[in-house]
Amino acid sequence: MQKFLLIMACIIVTIIFALQGFAPRYSLPTADELESGGEEASADAPQQALAEIYFDVDIMGVEEATPQRLENDFGIDPSIYDSCAGRYTDGRFGIADVIMLSPRPGKEEEVREALQTIKLSRMSLFRNYDIYNSYELAENGSIFQRGDYYILTMIENEEAVREIIEAYIPR
């Protein structure tokens, strides 16, 4: 009987330890945290949002949006924003672009125009080379502000992408 109890105790302890391995690695914000607009986004919030957005994106050719790439590929002057985060595709396999720019004080309109320039550039690229419905995604892409960031999204399932961004970047 003692051996049976000892074996059962070992099994229960093993199950408990095994189930602890399935605990979430990060916690999503609660409804109260989302509703309170006064909190600041953490410095890595855009990168966390991008990691979640691109977790299920199957398009090849996705690249990080760096200041150098934005300047070389789209002519965006890095002096108009403090920080950038994002990913965009090279266009050979479709489009899945999300670009976030934090404007310098007084440069908000220039950042919005820069994102519009990227959108128009992508539309022009896909006008004659519309692979996987890329032209429509670029044309229907949206530019919006969330927290300190102006954000351009040209990706499938844009509503879900916007919800992820809103979860990581407070108003």
C-alpha atoms as a PDB file:
ATOM      1  CA  MET A   1       0.000   0.000   0.000  1.00  0.00           C
ATOM      2  CA  GLN A   2       2.884   2.364   0.782  1.00  0.00           C
ATOM      3  CA  LYS A   3       4.477   1.665  -2.583  1.00  0.00           C
ATOM      4  CA  PHE A   4       1.164   2.411  -4.306  1.00  0.00           C
ATOM      5  CA  LEU A   5       0.858   5.770  -2.501  1.00  0.00           C
ATOM      6  CA  LEU A   6       4.471   6.623  -3.276  1.00  0.00           C
ATOM      7  CA  ILE A   7       3.964   5.835  -6.980  1.00  0.00           C
ATOM      8  CA  MET A   8       0.750   7.887  -7.086  1.00  0.00           C
ATOM      9  CA  ALA A   9       2.490  10.829  -5.375  1.00  0.00           C
ATOM     10  CA  CYS A  10       5.334  10.648  -7.922  1.00  0.00           C
ATOM     11  CA  ILE A  11       2.851  10.587 -10.803  1.00  0.00           C
ATOM     12  CA  ILE A  12       0.954  13.592  -9.425  1.00  0.00           C
ATOM     13  CA  VAL A  13       4.176  15.573  -8.921  1.00  0.00           C
ATOM     14  CA  THR A  14       5.329  14.711 -12.448  1.00  0.00           C
ATOM     15  CA  ILE A  15       2.010  15.833 -13.927  1.00  0.00           C
ATOM     16  CA  ILE A  16       2.137  19.100 -11.979  1.00  0.00           C
ATOM     17  CA  PHE A  17       5.668  19.860 -13.214  1.00  0.00           C
ATOM     18  CA  ALA A  18       4.732  18.930 -16.779  1.00  0.00           C
ATOM     19  CA  LEU A  19       1.716  21.233 -16.767  1.00  0.00           C
ATOM     20  CA  GLN A  20       3.820  24.138 -15.530  1.00  0.00           C
ATOM     21  CA  GLY A  21       5.735  23.942 -18.801  1.00  0.00           C
ATOM     22  CA  PHE A  22       2.582  25.016 -20.648  1.00  0.00           C
ATOM     23  CA  ALA A  23       2.244  28.308 -18.771  1.00  0.00           C
ATOM     24  CA  PRO A  24       2.161  31.387 -21.042  1.00  0.00           C
ATOM     25  CA  ARG A  25       5.551  32.970 -21.630  1.00  0.00           C
ATOM     26  CA  TYR A  26       4.169  36.494 -21.616  1.00  0.00           C
ATOM     27  CA  SER A  27       0.965  38.022 -20.468  1.00  0.00           C
ATOM     28  CA  LEU A  28      -1.327  40.041 -22.651  1.00  0.00           C
ATOM     29  CA  PRO A  29      -2.639  43.280 -21.203  1.00  0.00           C
ATOM     30  CA  THR A  30      -5.890  43.114 -19.279  1.00  0.00           C
ATOM     31  CA  ALA A  31      -8.976  45.054 -20.331  1.00  0.00           C
ATOM     32  CA  ASP A  32      -8.276  47.633 -17.603  1.00  0.00           C
ATOM     33  CA  GLU A  33      -4.748  48.173 -18.896  1.00  0.00           C
ATOM     34  CA  LEU A  34      -6.020  48.601 -22.446  1.00  0.00           C
ATOM     35  CA  GLU A  35      -8.644  51.141 -21.419  1.00  0.00           C
ATOM     36  CA  SER A  36      -6.229  53.284 -19.423  1.00  0.00           C
ATOM     37  CA  GLY A  37      -4.686  55.563 -22.002  1.00  0.00           C
ATOM     38  CA  GLY A  38      -2.050  57.117 -19.749  1.00  0.00           C
ATOM     39  CA  GLU A  39       0.501  54.351 -19.800  1.00  0.00           C
ATOM     40  CA  GLU A  40       3.582  54.395 -22.017  1.00  0.00           C
ATOM     41  CA  ALA A  41       4.487  51.640 -24.421  1.00  0.00           C
ATOM     42  CA  SER A  42       7.608  49.740 -23.511  1.00  0.00           C
ATOM     43  CA  ALA A  43      10.596  50.298 -25.759  1.00  0.00           C
ATOM     44  CA  ASP A  44      10.274  46.826 -27.270  1.00  0.00           C
ATOM     45  CA  ALA A  45       6.460  46.907 -27.647  1.00  0.00           C
ATOM     46  CA  PRO A  46       6.626  47.444 -31.435  1.00  0.00           C
ATOM     47  CA  GLN A  47       9.018  44.505 -31.809  1.00  0.00           C
ATOM     48  CA  GLN A  48       6.777  42.304 -29.659  1.00  0.00           C
ATOM     49  CA  ALA A  49       3.759  43.276 -31.760  1.00  0.00           C
ATOM     50  CA  LEU A  50       5.675  42.533 -34.966  1.00  0.00           C
ATOM     51  CA  ALA A  51       6.765  39.141 -33.660  1.00  0.00           C
ATOM     52  CA  GLU A  52       3.144  38.224 -32.997  1.00  0.00           C
ATOM     53  CA  ILE A  53       1.914  39.652 -36.312  1.00  0.00           C
ATOM     54  CA  TYR A  54       4.490  37.791 -38.390  1.00  0.00           C
ATOM     55  CA  PHE A  55       4.288  34.535 -36.430  1.00  0.00           C
ATOM     56  CA  ASP A  56       1.887  33.044 -38.987  1.00  0.00           C
ATOM     57  CA  VAL A  57       2.915  35.000 -42.100  1.00  0.00           C
ATOM     58  CA  ASP A  58       4.062  32.509 -44.734  1.00  0.00           C
ATOM     59  CA  ILE A  59       5.343  34.989 -47.329  1.00  0.00           C
ATOM     60  CA  MET A  60       8.996  34.661 -48.227  1.00  0.00           C
ATOM     61  CA  GLY A  61      11.227  37.708 -48.545  1.00  0.00           C
ATOM     62  CA  VAL A  62      10.183  39.535 -45.358  1.00  0.00           C
ATOM     63  CA  GLU A  63      12.823  42.060 -44.259  1.00  0.00           C
ATOM     64  CA  GLU A  64      13.273  44.291 -41.226  1.00  0.00           C
ATOM     65  CA  ALA A  65      12.487  47.960 -41.822  1.00  0.00           C
ATOM     66  CA  THR A  66      15.669  49.765 -40.784  1.00  0.00           C
ATOM     67  CA  PRO A  67      16.413  53.470 -41.287  1.00  0.00           C
ATOM     68  CA  GLN A  68      18.930  52.585 -44.004  1.00  0.00           C
ATOM     69  CA  ARG A  69      16.488  50.335 -45.883  1.00  0.00           C
ATOM     70  CA  LEU A  70      13.636  52.834 -45.632  1.00  0.00           C
ATOM     71  CA  GLU A  71      15.912  55.534 -47.014  1.00  0.00           C
ATOM     72  CA  ASN A  72      17.347  53.351 -49.807  1.00  0.00           C
ATOM     73  CA  ASP A  73      14.096  51.639 -50.845  1.00  0.00           C
ATOM     74  CA  PHE A  74      11.583  54.464 -50.369  1.00  0.00           C
ATOM     75  CA  GLY A  75      13.596  57.689 -49.960  1.00  0.00           C
ATOM     76  CA  ILE A  76      12.397  58.269 -46.375  1.00  0.00           C
ATOM     77  CA  ASP A  77      14.593  60.798 -44.560  1.00  0.00           C
ATOM     78  CA  PRO A  78      15.638  59.343 -41.175  1.00  0.00           C
ATOM     79  CA  SER A  79      15.803  62.828 -39.648  1.00  0.00           C
ATOM     80  CA  ILE A  80      11.984  63.055 -39.460  1.00  0.00           C
ATOM     81  CA  TYR A  81      11.553  60.185 -36.987  1.00  0.00           C
ATOM     82  CA  ASP A  82      13.110  59.092 -33.717  1.00  0.00           C
ATOM     83  CA  SER A  83      12.605  55.375 -34.147  1.00  0.00           C
ATOM     84  CA  CYS A  84      11.274  52.909 -36.639  1.00  0.00           C
ATOM     85  CA  ALA A  85      10.093  49.336 -36.437  1.00  0.00           C
ATOM     86  CA  GLY A  86       8.522  47.179 -39.029  1.00  0.00           C
ATOM     87  CA  ARG A  87       8.795  44.539 -41.650  1.00  0.00           C
ATOM     88  CA  TYR A  88       8.068  44.575 -45.334  1.00  0.00           C
ATOM     89  CA  THR A  89       8.378  42.162 -48.214  1.00  0.00           C
ATOM     90  CA  ASP A  90      10.534  42.372 -51.278  1.00  0.00           C
ATOM     91  CA  GLY A  91       7.393  41.929 -53.389  1.00  0.00           C
ATOM     92  CA  ARG A  92       8.313  38.746 -55.239  1.00  0.00           C
ATOM     93  CA  PHE A  93       5.911  36.600 -53.211  1.00  0.00           C
ATOM     94  CA  GLY A  94       3.205  39.089 -52.267  1.00  0.00           C
ATOM     95  CA  ILE A  95       2.883  41.839 -49.716  1.00  0.00           C
ATOM     96  CA  ALA A  96       2.844  41.823 -45.916  1.00  0.00           C
ATOM     97  CA  ASP A  97       4.030  45.241 -44.774  1.00  0.00           C
ATOM     98  CA  VAL A  98       3.730  46.808 -41.325  1.00  0.00           C
ATOM     99  CA  ILE A  99       5.863  49.896 -40.681  1.00  0.00           C
ATOM    100  CA  MET A 100       5.826  51.978 -37.482  1.00  0.00           C
ATOM    101  CA  LEU A 101       7.536  55.369 -37.215  1.00  0.00           C
ATOM    102  CA  SER A 102       7.792  57.554 -34.129  1.00  0.00           C
ATOM    103  CA  PRO A 103       8.012  61.145 -35.423  1.00  0.00           C
ATOM    104  CA  ARG A 104      10.315  63.775 -34.010  1.00  0.00           C
ATOM    105  CA  PRO A 105       8.470  66.708 -32.422  1.00  0.00           C
ATOM    106  CA  GLY A 106       6.949  68.887 -35.136  1.00  0.00           C
ATOM    107  CA  LYS A 107       7.528  66.273 -37.869  1.00  0.00           C
ATOM    108  CA  GLU A 108       4.231  64.402 -37.505  1.00  0.00           C
ATOM    109  CA  GLU A 109       2.824  65.497 -40.859  1.00  0.00           C
ATOM    110  CA  GLU A 110       6.079  64.656 -42.627  1.00  0.00           C
ATOM    111  CA  VAL A 111       6.009  61.144 -41.138  1.00  0.00           C
ATOM    112  CA  ARG A 112       2.413  60.647 -42.265  1.00  0.00           C
ATOM    113  CA  GLU A 113       3.411  61.812 -45.772  1.00  0.00           C
ATOM    114  CA  ALA A 114       6.410  59.447 -45.712  1.00  0.00           C
ATOM    115  CA  LEU A 115       4.139  56.504 -44.928  1.00  0.00           C
ATOM    116  CA  GLN A 116       1.817  57.641 -47.723  1.00  0.00           C
ATOM    117  CA  THR A 117       4.856  57.680 -50.024  1.00  0.00           C
ATOM    118  CA  ILE A 118       5.624  54.070 -49.097  1.00  0.00           C
ATOM    119  CA  LYS A 119       2.012  53.086 -49.756  1.00  0.00           C
ATOM    120  CA  LEU A 120       2.001  54.781 -53.165  1.00  0.00           C
ATOM    121  CA  SER A 121       5.344  53.210 -54.027  1.00  0.00           C
ATOM    122  CA  ARG A 122       4.002  49.748 -53.231  1.00  0.00           C
ATOM    123  CA  MET A 123       0.832  50.414 -55.245  1.00  0.00           C
ATOM    124  CA  SER A 124       2.965  51.495 -58.202  1.00  0.00           C
ATOM    125  CA  LEU A 125       5.107  48.358 -57.911  1.00  0.00           C
ATOM    126  CA  PHE A 126       2.100  46.042 -57.914  1.00  0.00           C
ATOM    127  CA  ARG A 127      -0.015  47.892 -60.472  1.00  0.00           C
ATOM    128  CA  ASN A 128       1.479  45.891 -63.361  1.00  0.00           C
ATOM    129  CA  TYR A 129       2.838  43.023 -61.285  1.00  0.00           C
ATOM    130  CA  ASP A 130      -0.110  42.018 -59.095  1.00  0.00           C
ATOM    131  CA  ILE A 131       0.916  38.792 -57.446  1.00  0.00           C
ATOM    132  CA  TYR A 132      -1.287  37.272 -54.729  1.00  0.00           C
ATOM    133  CA  ASN A 133      -3.640  40.269 -54.726  1.00  0.00           C
ATOM    134  CA  SER A 134      -0.832  42.595 -53.630  1.00  0.00           C
ATOM    135  CA  TYR A 135      -2.152  45.643 -55.465  1.00  0.00           C
ATOM    136  CA  GLU A 136      -5.471  45.533 -53.611  1.00  0.00           C
ATOM    137  CA  LEU A 137      -3.717  45.026 -50.262  1.00  0.00           C
ATOM    138  CA  ALA A 138      -1.490  48.040 -50.951  1.00  0.00           C
ATOM    139  CA  GLU A 139      -4.412  50.143 -52.170  1.00  0.00           C
ATOM    140  CA  ASN A 140      -6.503  49.262 -49.091  1.00  0.00           C
ATOM    141  CA  GLY A 141      -3.603  49.710 -46.681  1.00  0.00           C
ATOM    142  CA  SER A 142      -4.199  52.122 -43.850  1.00  0.00           C
ATOM    143  CA  ILE A 143      -2.177  54.724 -42.020  1.00  0.00           C
ATOM    144  CA  PHE A 144      -3.155  55.441 -38.442  1.00  0.00           C
ATOM    145  CA  GLN A 145      -1.709  56.749 -35.195  1.00  0.00           C
ATOM    146  CA  ARG A 146      -1.344  54.692 -32.047  1.00  0.00           C
ATOM    147  CA  GLY A 147       0.517  56.111 -29.063  1.00  0.00           C
ATOM    148  CA  ASP A 148       3.730  57.732 -30.265  1.00  0.00           C
ATOM    149  CA  TYR A 149       3.700  55.847 -33.559  1.00  0.00           C
ATOM    150  CA  TYR A 150       2.313  56.428 -37.014  1.00  0.00           C
ATOM    151  CA  ILE A 151       1.639  53.014 -38.502  1.00  0.00           C
ATOM    152  CA  LEU A 152       1.231  51.765 -42.068  1.00  0.00           C
ATOM    153  CA  THR A 153      -0.377  48.350 -42.571  1.00  0.00           C
ATOM    154  CA  MET A 154      -0.630  46.608 -45.933  1.00  0.00           C
ATOM    155  CA  ILE A 155      -1.222  43.003 -44.985  1.00  0.00           C
ATOM    156  CA  GLU A 156      -3.907  40.343 -45.117  1.00  0.00           C
ATOM    157  CA  ASN A 157      -6.231  40.217 -42.124  1.00  0.00           C
ATOM    158  CA  GLU A 158      -5.584  43.842 -41.313  1.00  0.00           C
ATOM    159  CA  GLU A 159      -8.229  43.904 -38.568  1.00  0.00           C
ATOM    160  CA  ALA A 160      -6.403  41.216 -36.576  1.00  0.00           C
ATOM    161  CA  VAL A 161      -3.098  43.020 -37.119  1.00  0.00           C
ATOM    162  CA  ARG A 162      -4.593  46.239 -35.811  1.00  0.00           C
ATOM    163  CA  GLU A 163      -5.887  44.447 -32.706  1.00  0.00           C
ATOM    164  CA  ILE A 164      -2.404  43.085 -32.007  1.00  0.00           C
ATOM    165  CA  ILE A 165      -0.893  46.560 -32.382  1.00  0.00           C
ATOM    166  CA  GLU A 166      -3.513  48.014 -30.052  1.00  0.00           C
ATOM    167  CA  ALA A 167      -2.733  45.330 -27.471  1.00  0.00           C
ATOM    168  CA  TYR A 168       0.960  46.240 -27.383  1.00  0.00           C
ATOM    169  CA  ILE A 169       0.937  49.988 -28.001  1.00  0.00           C
ATOM    170  CA  PRO A 170      -1.414  51.962 -25.739  1.00  0.00           C
ATOM    171  CA  ARG A 171      -3.181  55.099 -26.889  1.00  0.00           C
END
